[in-house]
Amino acid sequence: MILSKLSLYQFSIELDRLLPVGKQRIDNRSGLVLAVTATTDSSERTEYVEISPLSGHDVDGNPLTGFSQHSLAQTVTELTNNLPLLLQQPVDTLLDLADNTEQHAIAFGLSLMHAKLMGSLNGHSLESRTIPLIYRNQDEPLNAVAQRVAALASNVHAVKVKVAQTSLEDEIQLIHQILAIRPDLKLRLDANRGFELQQAIEFIACIPLHAIEYIEEPCKQPSDNPSFYKAIEAPWALDESLNDPDYQFEMQAGLCAIIIKPMLLGSLDKLQALQHVANEHGVRSILSSSLEASLGIDALSRLANIATPDEIPGIDTLAAFSQDLLQSSGKAKCLELSDLQLLLAL
C-alpha cells in the first residue's frame, strides 16, 4: 500500500459544560484530524484519526499543566513539516515517523492511522463500554450530582469520581451520598495528585474501603503513594506519572492499575510494551481518554476492545461536547471535513 493523499485539518469544539483537567477546567477542545488515503493496484482506502494533545489554556487563561508536553501549534508545525515526506511512500513509513517523533500525540496518531489502514481495528464490537464519570460542576449543588447518580442504569456497577477538587468535607459527603443512592457501586476515585499524604489518608479513612476499586494518583508527591498504601491499604493507580518522558514501570506496594491515555503515551507499540510489563506484575491496564472528540473516542473504544477486552475503558467525556467530529455519537451536529480548517493538502 502506498500513501497517495494526506490532508491535515484543525477543529475547535465548544463544550456545553466545563470539563476537568486535573484541578483546572476547560470550556472548549481543539485538535487535528489527519486524513490519509492509501492505494494498491486494485483498491483505495481512506481513514481518519484525531491528533489532539491535551494542552492549551484553562477557562482562567492559565496553561494546562501535567498532561501533554507539546502545544497544538508545535504539533501542527511538526506534522506540516513531515507529512510531505510520507507522500507516495509505503504505508509502513507511518510507523517510521511515529518511532522518530518526540511528540506522543503524533506517535499515537500515526501508529493508529497505520492500524486503521491495515484493517487492524475492523470487525471489533462498537458496543459502548465506559465507566460513567461523576464530578461536581462549578457551583453545582450536591443534589444535582445525586440526580445524575440516581439516573444511572442498573447495569452500571462502577463509576469514576473526581476528588481533591474542593474541600475534604464536601467530597466525603459526595462519596457517601453516591453510596447511599447506589450502595452496589465500586468507586474509581481520581485525585490527580491533589492530596498531600496525610490528606489522602484522612480522606480514604472516611470512606468504606470495600467500595473503593482504586484511587488514581492519590498523593501530590508520587513517591508518597506506597506510604499511603501502608497507612490505609487502599489500592491505588498511576495516571499522570505515565506522562513523564522518563517514566519506567516499577512495581510498588498497593499499585493495582495503570491508567493509559494513548494520546499522552505515544505509539501503539509503546502501549503494548507497557501493558505487557504491567501484566507480568499483576497490574491492570485501563485505557482512558484525553478528552478527545467523538472521532478519537470511537478509536479508543475499538482499541480497548482489542487491547484490554476484560477492562472497561474510561471514555465517558463526550456528554460535555456540543458537537461530534466525523463520527456521530448521536449529537444534533456532527462536524464534517468541510466544517474544519484545512491546514495541508497533499
Protein backbone atom coordinates (compact mmCIF):
# COMPACT_ATOMS: atom_id res chain seq x y z
CA MET A 1 0.00 0.00 0.00
CA ILE A 2 1.24 3.45 -0.98
CA LEU A 3 0.27 6.69 0.78
CA SER A 4 -1.29 8.63 -2.10
CA LYS A 5 -3.12 11.50 -0.35
CA LEU A 6 -2.61 13.23 3.01
CA SER A 7 -4.59 16.11 4.49
CA LEU A 8 -4.47 17.87 7.84
CA TYR A 9 -7.38 19.77 9.39
CA GLN A 10 -7.89 21.70 12.61
CA PHE A 11 -11.08 21.76 14.72
CA SER A 12 -12.34 23.56 17.79
CA ILE A 13 -15.46 22.43 19.63
CA GLU A 14 -17.22 24.38 22.36
CA LEU A 15 -18.20 22.41 25.47
CA ASP A 16 -21.71 22.55 26.87
CA ARG A 17 -20.25 22.34 30.36
CA LEU A 18 -16.77 22.65 31.80
CA LEU A 19 -14.58 19.55 31.77
CA PRO A 20 -11.98 18.91 34.49
CA VAL A 21 -8.33 18.63 33.51
CA GLY A 22 -6.76 17.83 36.86
CA LYS A 23 -7.87 20.73 39.06
CA GLN A 24 -8.28 23.00 36.05
CA ARG A 25 -11.33 23.39 33.80
CA ILE A 26 -11.68 23.84 30.03
CA ASP A 27 -14.65 25.13 28.00
CA ASN A 28 -13.53 24.06 24.53
CA ARG A 29 -11.44 21.33 22.92
CA SER A 30 -9.20 21.87 19.92
CA GLY A 31 -7.21 19.39 17.91
CA LEU A 32 -6.38 17.99 14.50
CA VAL A 33 -7.77 15.47 12.04
CA LEU A 34 -5.35 13.61 9.79
CA ALA A 35 -6.87 12.11 6.62
CA VAL A 36 -4.81 9.59 4.67
CA THR A 37 -5.58 7.64 1.52
CA ALA A 38 -3.59 4.50 0.75
CA THR A 39 -3.77 2.74 -2.61
CA THR A 40 -2.82 -0.57 -4.13
CA ASP A 41 -3.05 -1.63 -7.77
CA SER A 42 -6.67 -2.64 -7.24
CA SER A 43 -8.05 -0.71 -4.26
CA GLU A 44 -8.08 2.56 -2.33
CA ARG A 45 -8.73 3.16 1.36
CA THR A 46 -9.16 6.45 3.26
CA GLU A 47 -9.02 6.69 7.05
CA TYR A 48 -9.15 9.50 9.61
CA VAL A 49 -7.52 9.90 13.01
CA GLU A 50 -7.73 12.56 15.67
CA ILE A 51 -4.48 14.02 16.95
CA SER A 52 -5.27 16.20 19.96
CA PRO A 53 -2.54 16.92 22.51
CA LEU A 54 -4.06 17.76 25.91
CA SER A 55 -2.53 21.21 26.24
CA GLY A 56 -3.55 24.82 25.85
CA HIS A 57 -5.21 27.02 28.49
CA ASP A 58 -7.96 26.67 31.05
CA VAL A 59 -11.01 28.92 31.47
CA ASP A 60 -8.91 31.35 33.53
CA GLY A 61 -6.25 31.65 30.84
CA ASN A 62 -3.67 29.57 32.71
CA PRO A 63 -1.61 26.93 30.84
CA LEU A 64 -2.77 23.35 31.34
CA THR A 65 -0.13 21.52 33.36
CA GLY A 66 0.74 17.88 33.86
CA PHE A 67 -0.51 16.46 30.58
CA SER A 68 0.82 16.84 27.00
CA GLN A 69 4.39 18.10 26.76
CA HIS A 70 3.76 19.87 23.44
CA SER A 71 1.31 22.53 22.30
CA LEU A 72 -1.15 22.17 19.44
CA ALA A 73 0.90 24.73 17.49
CA GLN A 74 4.04 22.60 17.89
CA THR A 75 2.08 19.56 16.71
CA VAL A 76 0.86 21.44 13.65
CA THR A 77 4.40 22.58 12.83
CA GLU A 78 5.89 19.10 13.05
CA LEU A 79 3.13 17.48 11.02
CA THR A 80 3.18 20.11 8.26
CA ASN A 81 6.95 19.71 8.03
CA ASN A 82 6.96 15.90 7.95
CA LEU A 83 3.78 14.78 6.22
CA PRO A 84 5.18 15.69 2.76
CA LEU A 85 7.92 13.11 3.38
CA LEU A 86 5.24 10.40 3.52
CA LEU A 87 3.63 11.09 0.15
CA GLN A 88 3.97 8.15 -2.29
CA GLN A 89 5.78 6.14 0.38
CA PRO A 90 4.80 2.66 1.67
CA VAL A 91 2.23 2.63 4.49
CA ASP A 92 4.85 1.33 6.96
CA THR A 93 6.57 4.72 6.68
CA LEU A 94 3.89 5.93 9.11
CA LEU A 95 5.47 3.73 11.77
CA ASP A 96 8.96 5.01 10.97
CA LEU A 97 7.80 8.58 11.56
CA ALA A 98 5.94 7.52 14.73
CA ASP A 99 9.15 5.99 16.08
CA ASN A 100 11.17 9.11 15.37
CA THR A 101 8.98 11.83 16.87
CA GLU A 102 9.21 13.16 20.41
CA GLN A 103 5.56 14.20 20.31
CA HIS A 104 3.42 11.47 21.86
CA ALA A 105 0.17 12.64 20.26
CA ILE A 106 1.78 12.39 16.80
CA ALA A 107 3.29 8.97 17.56
CA PHE A 108 -0.10 7.66 18.67
CA GLY A 109 -1.95 9.22 15.73
CA LEU A 110 0.43 7.89 13.08
CA SER A 111 0.54 4.38 14.56
CA LEU A 112 -3.26 4.41 14.86
CA MET A 113 -3.53 5.51 11.24
CA HIS A 114 -1.31 2.59 10.22
CA ALA A 115 -3.53 0.19 12.18
CA LYS A 116 -6.68 1.61 10.56
CA LEU A 117 -5.28 1.44 7.03
CA MET A 118 -4.17 -2.15 7.62
CA GLY A 119 -7.66 -3.04 8.87
CA SER A 120 -6.45 -3.96 12.37
CA LEU A 121 -9.38 -2.17 14.03
CA ASN A 122 -12.01 -3.70 11.73
CA GLY A 123 -14.64 -6.11 12.96
CA HIS A 124 -14.44 -5.21 16.62
CA SER A 125 -17.58 -4.51 18.58
CA LEU A 126 -18.67 -0.91 18.83
CA GLU A 127 -20.87 -1.68 21.80
CA SER A 128 -20.38 1.25 24.15
CA ARG A 129 -18.39 0.27 27.22
CA THR A 130 -17.43 3.00 29.61
CA ILE A 131 -17.28 3.92 33.26
CA PRO A 132 -19.57 6.90 33.98
CA LEU A 133 -17.66 9.99 35.08
CA ILE A 134 -19.05 11.76 38.14
CA TYR A 135 -17.81 15.19 39.08
CA ARG A 136 -19.28 18.31 40.60
CA ASN A 137 -19.68 21.21 38.20
CA GLN A 138 -18.70 24.66 39.33
CA ASP A 139 -21.16 25.97 41.99
CA GLU A 140 -23.36 22.92 41.45
CA PRO A 141 -25.46 21.74 44.42
CA LEU A 142 -24.88 18.22 45.69
CA ASN A 143 -28.46 17.22 44.93
CA ALA A 144 -27.82 17.80 41.21
CA VAL A 145 -24.97 15.26 41.35
CA ALA A 146 -27.27 12.93 43.29
CA GLN A 147 -29.83 13.13 40.50
CA ARG A 148 -27.23 12.03 37.95
CA VAL A 149 -26.23 9.11 40.16
CA ALA A 150 -29.86 8.09 40.65
CA ALA A 151 -30.31 8.14 36.86
CA LEU A 152 -27.51 5.62 36.26
CA ALA A 153 -28.64 2.39 34.62
CA SER A 154 -28.98 -0.63 36.89
CA ASN A 155 -26.31 -2.47 34.88
CA VAL A 156 -23.71 0.17 35.80
CA HIS A 157 -21.62 -1.25 38.62
CA ALA A 158 -18.71 1.21 38.79
CA VAL A 159 -18.21 4.96 38.46
CA LYS A 160 -15.22 7.27 38.26
CA VAL A 161 -15.37 10.17 40.73
CA LYS A 162 -13.15 13.24 40.58
CA VAL A 163 -11.81 14.11 44.05
CA ALA A 164 -9.25 16.53 45.53
CA GLN A 165 -11.21 19.26 43.75
CA THR A 166 -12.90 21.06 46.67
CA SER A 167 -12.91 20.60 50.47
CA LEU A 168 -12.41 17.20 52.12
CA GLU A 169 -15.73 17.60 53.93
CA ASP A 170 -17.72 18.26 50.75
CA GLU A 171 -16.09 15.40 48.88
CA ILE A 172 -16.56 12.90 51.70
CA GLN A 173 -20.22 13.96 51.76
CA LEU A 174 -20.40 13.47 47.98
CA ILE A 175 -18.98 9.95 48.21
CA HIS A 176 -21.38 8.94 50.98
CA GLN A 177 -24.27 10.41 49.01
CA ILE A 178 -23.31 8.36 45.95
CA LEU A 179 -23.11 5.18 48.03
CA ALA A 180 -26.39 5.94 49.81
CA ILE A 181 -28.13 6.09 46.43
CA ARG A 182 -26.24 3.16 44.88
CA PRO A 183 -24.53 1.06 47.60
CA ASP A 184 -23.63 -1.53 44.96
CA LEU A 185 -21.27 0.80 43.10
CA LYS A 186 -17.50 0.40 43.07
CA LEU A 187 -15.61 3.68 43.01
CA ARG A 188 -12.66 4.59 40.83
CA LEU A 189 -11.51 7.76 42.58
CA ASP A 190 -9.29 10.19 40.66
CA ALA A 191 -7.27 12.61 42.79
CA ASN A 192 -4.94 13.89 40.03
CA ARG A 193 -2.15 14.27 42.62
CA GLY A 194 -4.38 16.65 44.55
CA PHE A 195 -3.71 15.45 48.12
CA GLU A 196 -0.81 15.76 50.47
CA LEU A 197 -0.02 12.35 52.00
CA GLN A 198 -1.88 13.00 55.26
CA GLN A 199 -4.88 14.46 53.42
CA ALA A 200 -5.11 11.36 51.22
CA ILE A 201 -5.03 9.11 54.29
CA GLU A 202 -7.67 11.17 56.10
CA PHE A 203 -9.91 11.22 53.04
CA ILE A 204 -9.84 7.47 52.44
CA ALA A 205 -10.23 6.77 56.17
CA CYS A 206 -13.69 8.35 55.95
CA ILE A 207 -14.87 6.14 53.06
CA PRO A 208 -15.82 2.43 53.16
CA LEU A 209 -12.74 0.63 51.82
CA HIS A 210 -14.85 -2.14 50.30
CA ALA A 211 -16.41 0.42 47.94
CA ILE A 212 -13.08 1.61 46.53
CA GLU A 213 -11.80 -0.10 43.40
CA TYR A 214 -8.74 2.17 43.45
CA ILE A 215 -7.72 5.82 43.72
CA GLU A 216 -5.68 7.33 40.88
CA GLU A 217 -2.57 9.32 41.83
CA PRO A 218 -3.64 9.93 45.45
CA CYS A 219 -0.58 11.95 46.50
CA LYS A 220 0.91 15.20 45.27
CA GLN A 221 4.32 13.50 45.51
CA PRO A 222 4.07 10.11 43.74
CA SER A 223 6.87 8.79 45.96
CA ASP A 224 4.35 9.01 48.86
CA ASN A 225 1.93 6.53 47.27
CA PRO A 226 3.46 3.40 48.87
CA SER A 227 3.36 5.15 52.28
CA PHE A 228 -0.30 5.98 51.62
CA TYR A 229 -0.99 2.30 50.98
CA LYS A 230 0.95 1.21 54.06
CA ALA A 231 -1.16 3.53 56.22
CA ILE A 232 -4.62 2.79 54.84
CA GLU A 233 -4.32 -0.26 52.50
CA ALA A 234 -6.38 1.35 49.76
CA PRO A 235 -5.31 0.21 46.26
CA TRP A 236 -4.03 2.97 44.02
CA ALA A 237 -3.35 3.56 40.34
CA LEU A 238 -0.97 5.61 38.22
CA ASP A 239 -2.15 8.09 35.61
CA GLU A 240 -0.19 11.35 35.29
CA SER A 241 3.04 9.55 36.15
CA LEU A 242 2.86 7.77 32.79
CA ASN A 243 3.09 11.17 31.05
CA ASP A 244 6.63 11.70 32.31
CA PRO A 245 9.00 11.19 29.34
CA ASP A 246 11.35 9.27 31.65
CA TYR A 247 8.66 7.00 33.15
CA GLN A 248 9.63 3.36 33.56
CA PHE A 249 7.28 0.84 35.13
CA GLU A 250 8.23 -0.06 38.69
CA MET A 251 6.14 -2.29 40.93
CA GLN A 252 5.26 -0.66 44.27
CA ALA A 253 3.17 -1.62 47.28
CA GLY A 254 -0.53 -1.10 46.59
CA LEU A 255 -0.21 -0.37 42.87
CA CYS A 256 -3.09 -2.20 41.19
CA ALA A 257 -3.66 -0.42 37.86
CA ILE A 258 -2.14 1.91 35.31
CA ILE A 259 -4.47 4.32 33.51
CA ILE A 260 -3.19 4.63 29.95
CA LYS A 261 -4.09 7.71 27.92
CA PRO A 262 -2.73 6.73 24.48
CA MET A 263 -2.76 10.32 23.20
CA LEU A 264 -0.32 11.18 26.00
CA LEU A 265 1.68 7.93 26.00
CA GLY A 266 2.71 7.52 22.37
CA SER A 267 2.63 4.76 19.77
CA LEU A 268 0.59 1.56 19.91
CA ASP A 269 3.85 -0.40 20.23
CA LYS A 270 4.75 1.61 23.34
CA LEU A 271 1.28 1.00 24.76
CA GLN A 272 1.58 -2.74 24.14
CA ALA A 273 5.03 -2.92 25.74
CA LEU A 274 3.88 -1.07 28.88
CA GLN A 275 0.79 -3.24 29.14
CA HIS A 276 2.92 -6.39 28.87
CA VAL A 277 5.22 -5.32 31.72
CA ALA A 278 2.24 -4.35 33.91
CA ASN A 279 0.54 -7.69 33.26
CA GLU A 280 3.68 -9.53 34.37
CA HIS A 281 3.30 -7.85 37.77
CA GLY A 282 -0.44 -8.44 38.04
CA VAL A 283 -1.23 -4.76 37.45
CA ARG A 284 -4.30 -3.92 35.38
CA SER A 285 -4.08 -1.73 32.26
CA ILE A 286 -7.09 0.52 31.67
CA LEU A 287 -7.41 2.79 28.64
CA SER A 288 -8.66 6.32 29.23
CA SER A 289 -9.45 9.36 27.12
CA SER A 290 -7.52 12.61 26.94
CA LEU A 291 -10.82 14.42 26.37
CA GLU A 292 -10.82 13.60 22.66
CA ALA A 293 -13.78 14.42 20.43
CA SER A 294 -16.01 11.64 19.08
CA LEU A 295 -13.55 10.57 16.35
CA GLY A 296 -10.89 9.88 18.97
CA ILE A 297 -13.31 8.28 21.42
CA ASP A 298 -14.54 5.88 18.71
CA ALA A 299 -10.93 4.78 18.09
CA LEU A 300 -10.28 4.35 21.83
CA SER A 301 -13.42 2.23 22.17
CA ARG A 302 -12.27 -0.06 19.35
CA LEU A 303 -8.73 -0.16 20.73
CA ALA A 304 -9.96 -1.06 24.22
CA ASN A 305 -11.97 -3.96 22.79
CA ILE A 306 -8.75 -5.28 21.24
CA ALA A 307 -6.06 -4.45 23.79
CA THR A 308 -7.99 -4.65 27.08
CA PRO A 309 -11.13 -6.70 26.40
CA ASP A 310 -11.61 -7.53 30.09
CA GLU A 311 -11.42 -3.90 31.24
CA ILE A 312 -13.99 -1.15 30.76
CA PRO A 313 -12.24 1.99 29.43
CA GLY A 314 -12.62 5.46 30.90
CA ILE A 315 -14.07 7.32 27.93
CA ASP A 316 -17.21 8.95 29.36
CA THR A 317 -16.39 12.54 28.37
CA LEU A 318 -18.42 13.15 25.20
CA ALA A 319 -21.53 14.36 27.06
CA ALA A 320 -19.86 17.75 27.55
CA PHE A 321 -19.19 18.25 23.81
CA SER A 322 -21.64 20.44 21.88
CA GLN A 323 -20.82 18.70 18.57
CA ASP A 324 -19.47 15.42 17.24
CA LEU A 325 -16.43 15.13 14.98
CA LEU A 326 -16.78 12.99 11.80
CA GLN A 327 -18.01 10.04 13.88
CA SER A 328 -21.56 10.53 15.18
CA SER A 329 -22.36 9.74 18.81
CA GLY A 330 -25.93 10.99 18.39
CA LYS A 331 -25.47 14.74 18.83
CA ALA A 332 -27.54 17.17 16.75
CA LYS A 333 -24.47 18.38 14.85
CA CYS A 334 -21.61 16.23 13.55
CA LEU A 335 -18.76 18.22 12.03
CA GLU A 336 -17.63 17.10 8.57
CA LEU A 337 -14.29 17.82 6.91
CA SER A 338 -15.84 20.81 5.13
CA ASP A 339 -16.55 22.37 8.55
CA LEU A 340 -12.89 22.17 9.60
CA GLN A 341 -9.92 24.42 8.82
CA LEU A 342 -7.74 22.84 6.14
CA LEU A 343 -4.07 23.23 7.07
CA LEU A 344 -2.38 21.00 4.49
CA ALA A 345 -3.43 19.01 1.43
CA LEU A 346 -1.01 16.71 -0.39
